[in-house]
Amino acid sequence: MVRGKTEIKRIENATSRQVTFSKRRNGLLKKAFELSVLCDAEVGLIIFSPRSKLYEFSSSRYIYTCLSYPLFVLRSTCAKNIDFSIRG
């Protein structure tokens, strides 16, 4: 059975939006952990909730991951929301 494609737009109901945020946050943290273990990748993830609560994951010491980021940002490409919304 194939699941229907979910339209990506803001959820208007505040309760539903919070529940979706919590579920997706947990899924994203799990995927970050899996990526770091399976591929031996250094992964750093920062999430701020709509209520400004911080959630973070790092496969190594977070400060080292953050400090190494500026060394790579100028010579790599970054994807933004607009890059993904154009794709069909």
Protein backbone atom coordinates (compact mmCIF):
# COMPACT_ATOMS: atom_id res chain seq x y z
CA MET A 1 0.00 0.00 0.00
CA VAL A 2 1.44 3.35 -1.04
CA ARG A 3 1.14 6.36 1.21
CA GLY A 4 -0.13 9.56 -0.44
CA LYS A 5 2.23 12.46 -0.96
CA THR A 6 2.05 15.01 1.87
CA GLU A 7 1.70 18.63 0.82
CA ILE A 8 4.38 20.69 2.52
CA LYS A 9 2.76 23.79 3.98
CA ARG A 10 2.37 25.35 7.41
CA ILE A 11 -0.01 23.48 9.73
CA GLU A 12 -2.58 26.01 10.92
CA ASN A 13 -3.79 24.14 14.03
CA ALA A 14 -1.31 24.89 16.84
CA THR A 15 -1.79 21.55 18.62
CA SER A 16 -1.34 19.54 15.43
CA ARG A 17 1.68 21.65 14.53
CA GLN A 18 3.32 20.94 17.92
CA VAL A 19 2.62 17.20 17.68
CA THR A 20 4.04 17.09 14.15
CA PHE A 21 7.10 19.05 15.25
CA SER A 22 7.78 16.62 18.10
CA LYS A 23 7.41 13.54 15.90
CA ARG A 24 9.52 14.94 13.08
CA ARG A 25 12.16 16.24 15.49
CA ASN A 26 12.55 12.79 17.01
CA GLY A 27 12.73 11.22 13.55
CA LEU A 28 15.33 13.73 12.41
CA LEU A 29 17.48 13.16 15.51
CA LYS A 30 17.27 9.40 14.96
CA LYS A 31 18.29 9.78 11.30
CA ALA A 32 21.24 11.99 12.28
CA PHE A 33 22.40 9.33 14.74
CA GLU A 34 21.98 6.55 12.17
CA LEU A 35 23.93 8.50 9.55
CA SER A 36 26.80 9.06 11.96
CA VAL A 37 26.97 5.38 12.94
CA LEU A 38 26.41 3.76 9.54
CA CYS A 39 28.69 6.06 7.55
CA ASP A 40 31.16 7.08 10.24
CA ALA A 41 30.22 10.69 9.45
CA GLU A 42 30.62 13.65 11.76
CA VAL A 43 27.09 14.96 12.16
CA GLY A 44 25.94 18.08 13.98
CA LEU A 45 22.28 19.07 14.16
CA ILE A 46 20.66 22.10 15.80
CA ILE A 47 16.88 22.48 16.07
CA PHE A 48 15.05 25.42 17.62
CA SER A 49 11.40 24.78 18.39
CA PRO A 50 8.72 27.40 17.70
CA ARG A 51 8.89 28.10 21.45
CA SER A 52 12.66 28.72 21.19
CA LYS A 53 13.67 25.51 22.92
CA LEU A 54 17.00 24.10 21.74
CA TYR A 55 17.50 20.48 20.66
CA GLU A 56 20.89 19.31 19.45
CA PHE A 57 22.76 16.22 18.35
CA SER A 58 26.43 15.75 17.66
CA SER A 59 28.30 12.58 16.83
CA SER A 60 31.43 14.05 18.41
CA ARG A 61 32.11 16.96 20.74
CA TYR A 62 29.68 19.60 19.53
CA ILE A 63 32.11 22.47 19.92
CA TYR A 64 34.58 20.81 17.53
CA THR A 65 31.87 20.29 14.94
CA CYS A 66 30.80 23.93 15.22
CA LEU A 67 34.35 25.23 15.03
CA SER A 68 35.12 23.18 11.92
CA TYR A 69 32.02 24.47 10.08
CA PRO A 70 33.45 27.90 9.06
CA LEU A 71 36.44 26.17 7.48
CA PHE A 72 34.19 24.42 4.98
CA VAL A 73 31.28 26.81 4.46
CA LEU A 74 33.07 29.10 2.01
CA ARG A 75 34.09 26.32 -0.34
CA SER A 76 30.94 24.21 -0.31
CA THR A 77 27.36 24.67 -1.39
CA CYS A 78 24.51 25.10 1.05
CA ALA A 79 20.93 24.11 0.32
CA LYS A 80 18.16 26.45 1.42
CA ASN A 81 14.39 25.99 1.68
CA ILE A 82 13.87 27.64 -1.70
CA ASP A 83 16.12 25.04 -3.35
CA PHE A 84 13.80 22.24 -2.24
CA SER A 85 10.49 23.99 -2.90
CA ILE A 86 11.29 24.39 -6.61
CA ARG A 87 11.72 20.65 -7.14
CA GLY A 88 8.60 18.70 -7.96
